[in-house]
Amino acid sequence: MGYKFKITDRKNDQFGVQFLYNSEVMVWSESYKGKASAKNCIESLKKNAPDAAVADLTKDEAAKGYRFEIAGTKDGQFMVRFVAANGEPMVISESYKSKSSAKNCIASCKKNMPAAVAEDTTA
């Protein structure tokens, strides 16, 4: 099965984007009012993720433009965000117990997003 994007239905006639590996969701987006916006999210991730900078916010690192951020959670774990050039988060990950797992998520996204197919599972 491999890597793929999935456009999903959300509450209130909205849409979301997920990036999966073998049915496991790695990152997911906010809700979008239109399906076109969800498709634009996917195209932007495919284009911008491979060369995006990585900022470890737990070490007070900063980056501009499209970037991955590693952030700490309230319970001492780590999560990943992909942030657009305008500073808005596009997708977020689950919490990871180790920072190395968060870094592995980023590496996998950078490598596999560009060639991932998009599947529309909406009604």
PDB file of N, CA and C in Angstrom:
ATOM      1  N   MET A   1       0.815  -1.195   0.000  1.00  0.00           N
ATOM      2  CA  MET A   1       0.000   0.000   0.000  1.00  0.00           C
ATOM      3  C   MET A   1       0.858   1.258   0.000  1.00  0.00           C
ATOM      4  N   GLY A   2       1.820   1.375   0.865  1.00  0.00           N
ATOM      5  CA  GLY A   2       2.759   2.475   0.859  1.00  0.00           C
ATOM      6  C   GLY A   2       2.194   3.792   1.346  1.00  0.00           C
ATOM      7  N   TYR A   3       2.786   4.862   0.849  1.00  0.00           N
ATOM      8  CA  TYR A   3       2.423   6.212   1.260  1.00  0.00           C
ATOM      9  C   TYR A   3       1.327   6.770   0.372  1.00  0.00           C
ATOM     10  N   LYS A   4       0.409   7.536   0.987  1.00  0.00           N
ATOM     11  CA  LYS A   4      -0.618   8.204   0.193  1.00  0.00           C
ATOM     12  C   LYS A   4      -1.235   9.336   0.995  1.00  0.00           C
ATOM     13  N   PHE A   5      -1.839  10.245   0.271  1.00  0.00           N
ATOM     14  CA  PHE A   5      -2.674  11.283   0.867  1.00  0.00           C
ATOM     15  C   PHE A   5      -4.108  10.820   0.775  1.00  0.00           C
ATOM     16  N   LYS A   6      -4.906  11.243   1.726  1.00  0.00           N
ATOM     17  CA  LYS A   6      -6.326  10.928   1.702  1.00  0.00           C
ATOM     18  C   LYS A   6      -7.106  12.201   2.011  1.00  0.00           C
ATOM     19  N   ILE A   7      -8.083  12.519   1.147  1.00  0.00           N
ATOM     20  CA  ILE A   7      -9.012  13.615   1.419  1.00  0.00           C
ATOM     21  C   ILE A   7     -10.216  12.988   2.102  1.00  0.00           C
ATOM     22  N   THR A   8     -10.573  13.513   3.271  1.00  0.00           N
ATOM     23  CA  THR A   8     -11.631  12.924   4.088  1.00  0.00           C
ATOM     24  C   THR A   8     -12.744  13.932   4.358  1.00  0.00           C
ATOM     25  N   ASP A   9     -13.921  13.400   4.642  1.00  0.00           N
ATOM     26  CA  ASP A   9     -15.031  14.231   5.101  1.00  0.00           C
ATOM     27  C   ASP A   9     -14.797  14.602   6.556  1.00  0.00           C
ATOM     28  N   ARG A  10     -15.206  15.813   6.910  1.00  0.00           N
ATOM     29  CA  ARG A  10     -15.163  16.283   8.286  1.00  0.00           C
ATOM     30  C   ARG A  10     -16.544  16.839   8.644  1.00  0.00           C
ATOM     31  N   LYS A  11     -16.707  17.216   9.879  1.00  0.00           N
ATOM     32  CA  LYS A  11     -17.977  17.792  10.337  1.00  0.00           C
ATOM     33  C   LYS A  11     -18.327  19.049   9.543  1.00  0.00           C
ATOM     34  N   ASN A  12     -19.612  19.349   9.507  1.00  0.00           N
ATOM     35  CA  ASN A  12     -20.125  20.585   8.912  1.00  0.00           C
ATOM     36  C   ASN A  12     -19.749  20.752   7.441  1.00  0.00           C
ATOM     37  N   ASP A  13     -19.797  19.635   6.705  1.00  0.00           N
ATOM     38  CA  ASP A  13     -19.523  19.656   5.257  1.00  0.00           C
ATOM     39  C   ASP A  13     -18.133  20.198   4.926  1.00  0.00           C
ATOM     40  N   GLN A  14     -17.167  19.911   5.796  1.00  0.00           N
ATOM     41  CA  GLN A  14     -15.802  20.327   5.534  1.00  0.00           C
ATOM     42  C   GLN A  14     -14.951  19.121   5.155  1.00  0.00           C
ATOM     43  N   PHE A  15     -13.683  19.393   4.804  1.00  0.00           N
ATOM     44  CA  PHE A  15     -12.774  18.364   4.300  1.00  0.00           C
ATOM     45  C   PHE A  15     -11.446  18.436   5.035  1.00  0.00           C
ATOM     46  N   GLY A  16     -10.771  17.298   5.115  1.00  0.00           N
ATOM     47  CA  GLY A  16      -9.460  17.236   5.731  1.00  0.00           C
ATOM     48  C   GLY A  16      -8.506  16.446   4.867  1.00  0.00           C
ATOM     49  N   VAL A  17      -7.227  16.576   5.178  1.00  0.00           N
ATOM     50  CA  VAL A  17      -6.172  15.846   4.478  1.00  0.00           C
ATOM     51  C   VAL A  17      -5.411  15.022   5.495  1.00  0.00           C
ATOM     52  N   GLN A  18      -5.119  13.785   5.124  1.00  0.00           N
ATOM     53  CA  GLN A  18      -4.264  12.919   5.933  1.00  0.00           C
ATOM     54  C   GLN A  18      -3.129  12.419   5.042  1.00  0.00           C
ATOM     55  N   PHE A  19      -1.947  12.236   5.629  1.00  0.00           N
ATOM     56  CA  PHE A  19      -0.841  11.575   4.951  1.00  0.00           C
ATOM     57  C   PHE A  19      -0.606  10.277   5.700  1.00  0.00           C
ATOM     58  N   LEU A  20      -0.682   9.160   4.976  1.00  0.00           N
ATOM     59  CA  LEU A  20      -0.641   7.838   5.602  1.00  0.00           C
ATOM     60  C   LEU A  20       0.489   6.978   5.066  1.00  0.00           C
ATOM     61  N   TYR A  21       0.904   6.045   5.905  1.00  0.00           N
ATOM     62  CA  TYR A  21       1.778   4.955   5.488  1.00  0.00           C
ATOM     63  C   TYR A  21       1.112   3.662   5.929  1.00  0.00           C
ATOM     64  N   ASN A  22       0.782   2.816   4.970  1.00  0.00           N
ATOM     65  CA  ASN A  22       0.110   1.531   5.257  1.00  0.00           C
ATOM     66  C   ASN A  22      -1.071   1.708   6.214  1.00  0.00           C
ATOM     67  N   SER A  23      -1.939   2.621   5.915  1.00  0.00           N
ATOM     68  CA  SER A  23      -3.173   2.895   6.667  1.00  0.00           C
ATOM     69  C   SER A  23      -2.951   3.595   8.002  1.00  0.00           C
ATOM     70  N   GLU A  24      -1.717   3.868   8.389  1.00  0.00           N
ATOM     71  CA  GLU A  24      -1.424   4.589   9.628  1.00  0.00           C
ATOM     72  C   GLU A  24      -1.271   6.076   9.306  1.00  0.00           C
ATOM     73  N   VAL A  25      -2.072   6.909   9.953  1.00  0.00           N
ATOM     74  CA  VAL A  25      -2.017   8.350   9.708  1.00  0.00           C
ATOM     75  C   VAL A  25      -0.752   8.921  10.358  1.00  0.00           C
ATOM     76  N   MET A  26       0.069   9.563   9.536  1.00  0.00           N
ATOM     77  CA  MET A  26       1.296  10.186  10.034  1.00  0.00           C
ATOM     78  C   MET A  26       1.054  11.646  10.426  1.00  0.00           C
ATOM     79  N   VAL A  27       0.365  12.386   9.552  1.00  0.00           N
ATOM     80  CA  VAL A  27       0.028  13.789   9.826  1.00  0.00           C
ATOM     81  C   VAL A  27      -1.350  14.065   9.253  1.00  0.00           C
ATOM     82  N   TRP A  28      -2.009  15.099   9.789  1.00  0.00           N
ATOM     83  CA  TRP A  28      -3.334  15.465   9.297  1.00  0.00           C
ATOM     84  C   TRP A  28      -3.479  16.977   9.333  1.00  0.00           C
ATOM     85  N   SER A  29      -4.407  17.466   8.516  1.00  0.00           N
ATOM     86  CA  SER A  29      -4.600  18.907   8.363  1.00  0.00           C
ATOM     87  C   SER A  29      -5.740  19.428   9.222  1.00  0.00           C
ATOM     88  N   GLU A  30      -5.882  20.730   9.183  1.00  0.00           N
ATOM     89  CA  GLU A  30      -7.065  21.383   9.724  1.00  0.00           C
ATOM     90  C   GLU A  30      -8.244  21.043   8.813  1.00  0.00           C
ATOM     91  N   SER A  31      -9.414  21.528   9.144  1.00  0.00           N
ATOM     92  CA  SER A  31     -10.578  21.341   8.290  1.00  0.00           C
ATOM     93  C   SER A  31     -10.672  22.490   7.297  1.00  0.00           C
ATOM     94  N   TYR A  32     -11.053  22.138   6.075  1.00  0.00           N
ATOM     95  CA  TYR A  32     -11.212  23.120   5.010  1.00  0.00           C
ATOM     96  C   TYR A  32     -12.663  23.168   4.580  1.00  0.00           C
ATOM     97  N   LYS A  33     -13.148  24.365   4.245  1.00  0.00           N
ATOM     98  CA  LYS A  33     -14.533  24.528   3.804  1.00  0.00           C
ATOM     99  C   LYS A  33     -14.752  23.943   2.418  1.00  0.00           C
ATOM    100  N   GLY A  34     -13.732  23.967   1.580  1.00  0.00           N
ATOM    101  CA  GLY A  34     -13.876  23.464   0.223  1.00  0.00           C
ATOM    102  C   GLY A  34     -12.888  22.359  -0.090  1.00  0.00           C
ATOM    103  N   LYS A  35     -13.309  21.438  -0.944  1.00  0.00           N
ATOM    104  CA  LYS A  35     -12.419  20.343  -1.346  1.00  0.00           C
ATOM    105  C   LYS A  35     -11.209  20.870  -2.110  1.00  0.00           C
ATOM    106  N   ALA A  36     -11.401  21.957  -2.853  1.00  0.00           N
ATOM    107  CA  ALA A  36     -10.282  22.543  -3.597  1.00  0.00           C
ATOM    108  C   ALA A  36      -9.160  22.965  -2.653  1.00  0.00           C
ATOM    109  N   SER A  37      -9.514  23.465  -1.476  1.00  0.00           N
ATOM    110  CA  SER A  37      -8.495  23.862  -0.501  1.00  0.00           C
ATOM    111  C   SER A  37      -7.733  22.649   0.023  1.00  0.00           C
ATOM    112  N   ALA A  38      -8.414  21.536   0.212  1.00  0.00           N
ATOM    113  CA  ALA A  38      -7.750  20.302   0.632  1.00  0.00           C
ATOM    114  C   ALA A  38      -6.779  19.824  -0.454  1.00  0.00           C
ATOM    115  N   LYS A  39      -7.205  19.919  -1.697  1.00  0.00           N
ATOM    116  CA  LYS A  39      -6.323  19.531  -2.809  1.00  0.00           C
ATOM    117  C   LYS A  39      -5.119  20.457  -2.889  1.00  0.00           C
ATOM    118  N   ASN A  40      -5.324  21.755  -2.652  1.00  0.00           N
ATOM    119  CA  ASN A  40      -4.211  22.704  -2.647  1.00  0.00           C
ATOM    120  C   ASN A  40      -3.224  22.384  -1.535  1.00  0.00           C
ATOM    121  N   CYS A  41      -3.728  21.941  -0.385  1.00  0.00           N
ATOM    122  CA  CYS A  41      -2.862  21.540   0.720  1.00  0.00           C
ATOM    123  C   CYS A  41      -1.939  20.403   0.285  1.00  0.00           C
ATOM    124  N   ILE A  42      -2.515  19.410  -0.365  1.00  0.00           N
ATOM    125  CA  ILE A  42      -1.716  18.268  -0.828  1.00  0.00           C
ATOM    126  C   ILE A  42      -0.646  18.721  -1.808  1.00  0.00           C
ATOM    127  N   GLU A  43      -1.023  19.533  -2.785  1.00  0.00           N
ATOM    128  CA  GLU A  43      -0.053  19.990  -3.785  1.00  0.00           C
ATOM    129  C   GLU A  43       1.058  20.810  -3.141  1.00  0.00           C
ATOM    130  N   SER A  44       0.722  21.623  -2.162  1.00  0.00           N
ATOM    131  CA  SER A  44       1.729  22.409  -1.473  1.00  0.00           C
ATOM    132  C   SER A  44       2.681  21.523  -0.674  1.00  0.00           C
ATOM    133  N   LEU A  45       2.149  20.508  -0.004  1.00  0.00           N
ATOM    134  CA  LEU A  45       3.000  19.573   0.733  1.00  0.00           C
ATOM    135  C   LEU A  45       3.937  18.832  -0.213  1.00  0.00           C
ATOM    136  N   LYS A  46       3.419  18.368  -1.332  1.00  0.00           N
ATOM    137  CA  LYS A  46       4.250  17.649  -2.300  1.00  0.00           C
ATOM    138  C   LYS A  46       5.394  18.523  -2.809  1.00  0.00           C
ATOM    139  N   LYS A  47       5.089  19.794  -3.040  1.00  0.00           N
ATOM    140  CA  LYS A  47       6.071  20.720  -3.598  1.00  0.00           C
ATOM    141  C   LYS A  47       7.070  21.216  -2.556  1.00  0.00           C
ATOM    142  N   ASN A  48       6.589  21.554  -1.363  1.00  0.00           N
ATOM    143  CA  ASN A  48       7.415  22.279  -0.402  1.00  0.00           C
ATOM    144  C   ASN A  48       8.048  21.448   0.700  1.00  0.00           C
ATOM    145  N   ALA A  49       7.508  20.270   0.990  1.00  0.00           N
ATOM    146  CA  ALA A  49       8.054  19.472   2.094  1.00  0.00           C
ATOM    147  C   ALA A  49       9.484  18.990   1.857  1.00  0.00           C
ATOM    148  N   PRO A  50       9.834  18.534   0.647  1.00  0.00           N
ATOM    149  CA  PRO A  50      11.177  17.943   0.490  1.00  0.00           C
ATOM    150  C   PRO A  50      12.335  18.863   0.862  1.00  0.00           C
ATOM    151  N   ASP A  51      12.220  20.146   0.563  1.00  0.00           N
ATOM    152  CA  ASP A  51      13.321  21.076   0.817  1.00  0.00           C
ATOM    153  C   ASP A  51      13.085  21.967   2.023  1.00  0.00           C
ATOM    154  N   ALA A  52      12.054  21.682   2.794  1.00  0.00           N
ATOM    155  CA  ALA A  52      11.712  22.529   3.935  1.00  0.00           C
ATOM    156  C   ALA A  52      12.758  22.419   5.047  1.00  0.00           C
ATOM    157  N   ALA A  53      12.990  23.538   5.683  1.00  0.00           N
ATOM    158  CA  ALA A  53      13.882  23.568   6.845  1.00  0.00           C
ATOM    159  C   ALA A  53      13.220  22.826   8.001  1.00  0.00           C
ATOM    160  N   VAL A  54      14.039  22.466   8.987  1.00  0.00           N
ATOM    161  CA  VAL A  54      13.532  21.840  10.209  1.00  0.00           C
ATOM    162  C   VAL A  54      13.979  22.693  11.389  1.00  0.00           C
ATOM    163  N   ALA A  55      13.023  23.104  12.215  1.00  0.00           N
ATOM    164  CA  ALA A  55      13.324  23.889  13.410  1.00  0.00           C
ATOM    165  C   ALA A  55      12.907  23.086  14.636  1.00  0.00           C
ATOM    166  N   ASP A  56      13.843  22.879  15.534  1.00  0.00           N
ATOM    167  CA  ASP A  56      13.554  22.195  16.794  1.00  0.00           C
ATOM    168  C   ASP A  56      13.202  23.258  17.832  1.00  0.00           C
ATOM    169  N   LEU A  57      11.917  23.446  18.048  1.00  0.00           N
ATOM    170  CA  LEU A  57      11.461  24.486  18.966  1.00  0.00           C
ATOM    171  C   LEU A  57      11.837  24.180  20.411  1.00  0.00           C
ATOM    172  N   THR A  58      12.124  22.914  20.713  1.00  0.00           N
ATOM    173  CA  THR A  58      12.548  22.562  22.071  1.00  0.00           C
ATOM    174  C   THR A  58      13.975  23.039  22.344  1.00  0.00           C
ATOM    175  N   LYS A  59      14.682  23.448  21.283  1.00  0.00           N
ATOM    176  CA  LYS A  59      16.038  23.998  21.407  1.00  0.00           C
ATOM    177  C   LYS A  59      16.064  25.469  20.999  1.00  0.00           C
ATOM    178  N   ASP A  60      14.873  26.077  20.935  1.00  0.00           N
ATOM    179  CA  ASP A  60      14.733  27.487  20.539  1.00  0.00           C
ATOM    180  C   ASP A  60      15.278  27.762  19.147  1.00  0.00           C
ATOM    181  N   GLU A  61      15.251  26.774  18.260  1.00  0.00           N
ATOM    182  CA  GLU A  61      15.648  26.999  16.876  1.00  0.00           C
ATOM    183  C   GLU A  61      14.496  27.677  16.141  1.00  0.00           C
ATOM    184  N   ALA A  62      14.839  28.432  15.130  1.00  0.00           N
ATOM    185  CA  ALA A  62      13.829  29.115  14.321  1.00  0.00           C
ATOM    186  C   ALA A  62      14.128  28.886  12.847  1.00  0.00           C
ATOM    187  N   ALA A  63      13.102  28.982  12.045  1.00  0.00           N
ATOM    188  CA  ALA A  63      13.259  28.887  10.600  1.00  0.00           C
ATOM    189  C   ALA A  63      12.157  29.722   9.973  1.00  0.00           C
ATOM    190  N   LYS A  64      12.386  30.168   8.759  1.00  0.00           N
ATOM    191  CA  LYS A  64      11.394  30.940   8.027  1.00  0.00           C
ATOM    192  C   LYS A  64      10.964  30.158   6.801  1.00  0.00           C
ATOM    193  N   GLY A  65       9.891  30.615   6.187  1.00  0.00           N
ATOM    194  CA  GLY A  65       9.387  29.951   4.999  1.00  0.00           C
ATOM    195  C   GLY A  65       8.704  28.643   5.371  1.00  0.00           C
ATOM    196  N   TYR A  66       8.490  27.790   4.380  1.00  0.00           N
ATOM    197  CA  TYR A  66       7.918  26.470   4.649  1.00  0.00           C
ATOM    198  C   TYR A  66       8.893  25.715   5.529  1.00  0.00           C
ATOM    199  N   ARG A  67       8.355  25.074   6.574  1.00  0.00           N
ATOM    200  CA  ARG A  67       9.254  24.398   7.506  1.00  0.00           C
ATOM    201  C   ARG A  67       8.525  23.330   8.320  1.00  0.00           C
ATOM    202  N   PHE A  68       9.312  22.381   8.766  1.00  0.00           N
ATOM    203  CA  PHE A  68       8.860  21.424   9.772  1.00  0.00           C
ATOM    204  C   PHE A  68       9.306  21.958  11.120  1.00  0.00           C
ATOM    205  N   GLU A  69       8.449  21.800  12.116  1.00  0.00           N
ATOM    206  CA  GLU A  69       8.797  22.181  13.472  1.00  0.00           C
ATOM    207  C   GLU A  69       8.615  20.977  14.387  1.00  0.00           C
ATOM    208  N   ILE A  70       9.583  20.786  15.272  1.00  0.00           N
ATOM    209  CA  ILE A  70       9.450  19.798  16.338  1.00  0.00           C
ATOM    210  C   ILE A  70       9.100  20.586  17.593  1.00  0.00           C
ATOM    211  N   ALA A  71       7.969  20.257  18.176  1.00  0.00           N
ATOM    212  CA  ALA A  71       7.503  20.979  19.362  1.00  0.00           C
ATOM    213  C   ALA A  71       7.311  19.999  20.514  1.00  0.00           C
ATOM    214  N   GLY A  72       7.474  20.505  21.715  1.00  0.00           N
ATOM    215  CA  GLY A  72       7.210  19.706  22.902  1.00  0.00           C
ATOM    216  C   GLY A  72       5.729  19.741  23.240  1.00  0.00           C
ATOM    217  N   THR A  73       5.255  18.682  23.876  1.00  0.00           N
ATOM    218  CA  THR A  73       3.864  18.620  24.323  1.00  0.00           C
ATOM    219  C   THR A  73       3.818  18.797  25.839  1.00  0.00           C
ATOM    220  N   LYS A  74       2.636  19.021  26.368  1.00  0.00           N
ATOM    221  CA  LYS A  74       2.476  19.246  27.812  1.00  0.00           C
ATOM    222  C   LYS A  74       2.951  18.062  28.646  1.00  0.00           C
ATOM    223  N   ASP A  75       2.865  16.854  28.052  1.00  0.00           N
ATOM    224  CA  ASP A  75       3.253  15.662  28.812  1.00  0.00           C
ATOM    225  C   ASP A  75       4.693  15.213  28.531  1.00  0.00           C
ATOM    226  N   GLY A  76       5.505  16.113  27.965  1.00  0.00           N
ATOM    227  CA  GLY A  76       6.920  15.803  27.773  1.00  0.00           C
ATOM    228  C   GLY A  76       7.243  15.012  26.522  1.00  0.00           C
ATOM    229  N   GLN A  77       6.283  14.883  25.622  1.00  0.00           N
ATOM    230  CA  GLN A  77       6.534  14.183  24.370  1.00  0.00           C
ATOM    231  C   GLN A  77       6.823  15.206  23.265  1.00  0.00           C
ATOM    232  N   PHE A  78       6.850  14.732  22.020  1.00  0.00           N
ATOM    233  CA  PHE A  78       7.211  15.579  20.887  1.00  0.00           C
ATOM    234  C   PHE A  78       6.198  15.391  19.766  1.00  0.00           C
ATOM    235  N   MET A  79       5.935  16.481  19.033  1.00  0.00           N
ATOM    236  CA  MET A  79       5.053  16.393  17.882  1.00  0.00           C
ATOM    237  C   MET A  79       5.655  17.211  16.746  1.00  0.00           C
ATOM    238  N   VAL A  80       5.153  16.942  15.548  1.00  0.00           N
ATOM    239  CA  VAL A  80       5.656  17.588  14.338  1.00  0.00           C
ATOM    240  C   VAL A  80       4.553  18.445  13.739  1.00  0.00           C
ATOM    241  N   ARG A  81       4.949  19.622  13.268  1.00  0.00           N
ATOM    242  CA  ARG A  81       4.061  20.485  12.490  1.00  0.00           C
ATOM    243  C   ARG A  81       4.767  20.811  11.182  1.00  0.00           C
ATOM    244  N   PHE A  82       3.998  20.904  10.098  1.00  0.00           N
ATOM    245  CA  PHE A  82       4.514  21.496   8.870  1.00  0.00           C
ATOM    246  C   PHE A  82       3.828  22.838   8.742  1.00  0.00           C
ATOM    247  N   VAL A  83       4.627  23.901   8.638  1.00  0.00           N
ATOM    248  CA  VAL A  83       4.119  25.264   8.662  1.00  0.00           C
ATOM    249  C   VAL A  83       4.354  25.919   7.310  1.00  0.00           C
ATOM    250  N   ALA A  84       3.339  26.623   6.823  1.00  0.00           N
ATOM    251  CA  ALA A  84       3.432  27.332   5.555  1.00  0.00           C
ATOM    252  C   ALA A  84       4.285  28.591   5.709  1.00  0.00           C
ATOM    253  N   ALA A  85       4.650  29.191   4.605  1.00  0.00           N
ATOM    254  CA  ALA A  85       5.480  30.393   4.614  1.00  0.00           C
ATOM    255  C   ALA A  85       4.814  31.541   5.374  1.00  0.00           C
ATOM    256  N   ASN A  86       3.483  31.541   5.441  1.00  0.00           N
ATOM    257  CA  ASN A  86       2.767  32.609   6.154  1.00  0.00           C
ATOM    258  C   ASN A  86       2.652  32.333   7.657  1.00  0.00           C
ATOM    259  N   GLY A  87       3.257  31.243   8.128  1.00  0.00           N
ATOM    260  CA  GLY A  87       3.253  30.924   9.549  1.00  0.00           C
ATOM    261  C   GLY A  87       2.099  30.059  10.016  1.00  0.00           C
ATOM    262  N   GLU A  88       1.187  29.704   9.111  1.00  0.00           N
ATOM    263  CA  GLU A  88       0.033  28.885   9.474  1.00  0.00           C
ATOM    264  C   GLU A  88       0.387  27.398   9.410  1.00  0.00           C
ATOM    265  N   PRO A  89       0.080  26.630  10.459  1.00  0.00           N
ATOM    266  CA  PRO A  89       0.311  25.179  10.405  1.00  0.00           C
ATOM    267  C   PRO A  89      -0.579  24.531   9.339  1.00  0.00           C
ATOM    268  N   MET A  90       0.015  23.658   8.544  1.00  0.00           N
ATOM    269  CA  MET A  90      -0.742  22.951   7.505  1.00  0.00           C
ATOM    270  C   MET A  90      -1.126  21.552   7.964  1.00  0.00           C
ATOM    271  N   VAL A  91      -0.196  20.851   8.603  1.00  0.00           N
ATOM    272  CA  VAL A  91      -0.470  19.510   9.134  1.00  0.00           C
ATOM    273  C   VAL A  91       0.269  19.342  10.454  1.00  0.00           C
ATOM    274  N   ILE A  92      -0.262  18.439  11.294  1.00  0.00           N
ATOM    275  CA  ILE A  92       0.365  18.106  12.568  1.00  0.00           C
ATOM    276  C   ILE A  92       0.401  16.592  12.724  1.00  0.00           C
ATOM    277  N   SER A  93       1.252  16.143  13.611  1.00  0.00           N
ATOM    278  CA  SER A  93       1.390  14.699  13.858  1.00  0.00           C
ATOM    279  C   SER A  93       0.829  14.342  15.222  1.00  0.00           C
ATOM    280  N   GLU A  94       0.826  13.054  15.475  1.00  0.00           N
ATOM    281  CA  GLU A  94       0.543  12.549  16.812  1.00  0.00           C
ATOM    282  C   GLU A  94       1.708  12.916  17.723  1.00  0.00           C
ATOM    283  N   SER A  95       1.601  12.610  18.990  1.00  0.00           N
ATOM    284  CA  SER A  95       2.699  12.805  19.929  1.00  0.00           C
ATOM    285  C   SER A  95       3.609  11.582  19.901  1.00  0.00           C
ATOM    286  N   TYR A  96       4.901  11.846  19.991  1.00  0.00           N
ATOM    287  CA  TYR A  96       5.901  10.784  20.027  1.00  0.00           C
ATOM    288  C   TYR A  96       6.633  10.842  21.356  1.00  0.00           C
ATOM    289  N   LYS A  97       6.972   9.678  21.892  1.00  0.00           N
ATOM    290  CA  LYS A  97       7.705   9.619  23.163  1.00  0.00           C
ATOM    291  C   LYS A  97       9.128  10.117  23.007  1.00  0.00           C
ATOM    292  N   SER A  98       9.714   9.896  21.829  1.00  0.00           N
ATOM    293  CA  SER A  98      11.111  10.303  21.632  1.00  0.00           C
ATOM    294  C   SER A  98      11.215  11.317  20.491  1.00  0.00           C
ATOM    295  N   LYS A  99      12.192  12.193  20.620  1.00  0.00           N
ATOM    296  CA  LYS A  99      12.449  13.179  19.571  1.00  0.00           C
ATOM    297  C   LYS A  99      12.916  12.487  18.298  1.00  0.00           C
ATOM    298  N   SER A 100      13.615  11.369  18.431  1.00  0.00           N
ATOM    299  CA  SER A 100      14.080  10.661  17.233  1.00  0.00           C
ATOM    300  C   SER A 100      12.896  10.155  16.407  1.00  0.00           C
ATOM    301  N   SER A 101      11.809   9.773  17.046  1.00  0.00           N
ATOM    302  CA  SER A 101      10.612   9.352  16.305  1.00  0.00           C
ATOM    303  C   SER A 101      10.001  10.535  15.549  1.00  0.00           C
ATOM    304  N   ALA A 102      10.008  11.713  16.160  1.00  0.00           N
ATOM    305  CA  ALA A 102       9.515  12.912  15.469  1.00  0.00           C
ATOM    306  C   ALA A 102      10.400  13.231  14.266  1.00  0.00           C
ATOM    307  N   LYS A 103      11.705  13.090  14.433  1.00  0.00           N
ATOM    308  CA  LYS A 103      12.631  13.330  13.316  1.00  0.00           C
ATOM    309  C   LYS A 103      12.423  12.312  12.210  1.00  0.00           C
ATOM    310  N   ASN A 104      12.137  11.066  12.574  1.00  0.00           N
ATOM    311  CA  ASN A 104      11.857  10.039  11.562  1.00  0.00           C
ATOM    312  C   ASN A 104      10.593  10.373  10.776  1.00  0.00           C
ATOM    313  N   CYS A 105       9.580  10.921  11.447  1.00  0.00           N
ATOM    314  CA  CYS A 105       8.351  11.345  10.777  1.00  0.00           C
ATOM    315  C   CYS A 105       8.680  12.412   9.735  1.00  0.00           C
ATOM    316  N   ILE A 106       9.478  13.389  10.116  1.00  0.00           N
ATOM    317  CA  ILE A 106       9.861  14.455   9.190  1.00  0.00           C
ATOM    318  C   ILE A 106      10.616  13.893   7.996  1.00  0.00           C
ATOM    319  N   ALA A 107      11.591  13.046   8.252  1.00  0.00           N
ATOM    320  CA  ALA A 107      12.384  12.461   7.161  1.00  0.00           C
ATOM    321  C   ALA A 107      11.491  11.684   6.194  1.00  0.00           C
ATOM    322  N   SER A 108      10.540  10.940   6.733  1.00  0.00           N
ATOM    323  CA  SER A 108       9.632  10.169   5.890  1.00  0.00           C
ATOM    324  C   SER A 108       8.732  11.084   5.061  1.00  0.00           C
ATOM    325  N   CYS A 109       8.230  12.152   5.677  1.00  0.00           N
ATOM    326  CA  CYS A 109       7.394  13.108   4.938  1.00  0.00           C
ATOM    327  C   CYS A 109       8.191  13.756   3.813  1.00  0.00           C
ATOM    328  N   LYS A 110       9.399  14.210   4.112  1.00  0.00           N
ATOM    329  CA  LYS A 110      10.231  14.860   3.103  1.00  0.00           C
ATOM    330  C   LYS A 110      10.487  13.935   1.915  1.00  0.00           C
ATOM    331  N   LYS A 111      10.771  12.682   2.210  1.00  0.00           N
ATOM    332  CA  LYS A 111      11.124  11.728   1.167  1.00  0.00           C
ATOM    333  C   LYS A 111       9.904  11.237   0.380  1.00  0.00           C
ATOM    334  N   ASN A 112       8.793  11.011   1.061  1.00  0.00           N
ATOM    335  CA  ASN A 112       7.686  10.282   0.439  1.00  0.00           C
ATOM    336  C   ASN A 112       6.481  11.118   0.013  1.00  0.00           C
ATOM    337  N   MET A 113       6.360  12.332   0.493  1.00  0.00           N
ATOM    338  CA  MET A 113       5.209  13.144   0.088  1.00  0.00           C
ATOM    339  C   MET A 113       5.179  13.452  -1.405  1.00  0.00           C
ATOM    340  N   PRO A 114       6.316  13.798  -2.031  1.00  0.00           N
ATOM    341  CA  PRO A 114       6.248  14.214  -3.436  1.00  0.00           C
ATOM    342  C   PRO A 114       5.634  13.189  -4.385  1.00  0.00           C
ATOM    343  N   ALA A 115       5.870  11.917  -4.160  1.00  0.00           N
ATOM    344  CA  ALA A 115       5.373  10.888  -5.085  1.00  0.00           C
ATOM    345  C   ALA A 115       4.093  10.221  -4.607  1.00  0.00           C
ATOM    346  N   ALA A 116       3.594  10.615  -3.464  1.00  0.00           N
ATOM    347  CA  ALA A 116       2.405   9.956  -2.904  1.00  0.00           C
ATOM    348  C   ALA A 116       1.172  10.283  -3.733  1.00  0.00           C
ATOM    349  N   VAL A 117       0.349   9.273  -3.957  1.00  0.00           N
ATOM    350  CA  VAL A 117      -0.909   9.480  -4.671  1.00  0.00           C
ATOM    351  C   VAL A 117      -1.938  10.057  -3.708  1.00  0.00           C
ATOM    352  N   ALA A 118      -2.933  10.725  -4.263  1.00  0.00           N
ATOM    353  CA  ALA A 118      -4.011  11.283  -3.443  1.00  0.00           C
ATOM    354  C   ALA A 118      -5.285  10.492  -3.712  1.00  0.00           C
ATOM    355  N   GLU A 119      -5.925  10.091  -2.636  1.00  0.00           N
ATOM    356  CA  GLU A 119      -7.176   9.340  -2.716  1.00  0.00           C
ATOM    357  C   GLU A 119      -8.293  10.187  -2.103  1.00  0.00           C
ATOM    358  N   ASP A 120      -9.354  10.371  -2.849  1.00  0.00           N
ATOM    359  CA  ASP A 120     -10.506  11.138  -2.366  1.00  0.00           C
ATOM    360  C   ASP A 120     -11.541  10.161  -1.818  1.00  0.00           C
ATOM    361  N   THR A 121     -11.731  10.181  -0.509  1.00  0.00           N
ATOM    362  CA  THR A 121     -12.677   9.244   0.126  1.00  0.00           C
ATOM    363  C   THR A 121     -13.969   9.935   0.526  1.00  0.00           C
ATOM    364  N   THR A 122     -14.186  11.136   0.008  1.00  0.00           N
ATOM    365  CA  THR A 122     -15.379  11.898   0.368  1.00  0.00           C
ATOM    366  C   THR A 122     -16.591  11.397  -0.410  1.00  0.00           C
ATOM    367  N   ALA A 123     -17.760  11.722   0.116  1.00  0.00           N
ATOM    368  CA  ALA A 123     -19.011  11.285  -0.501  1.00  0.00           C
ATOM    369  C   ALA A 123     -19.245  11.959  -1.849  1.00  0.00           C
TER     370      ALA A 123
END
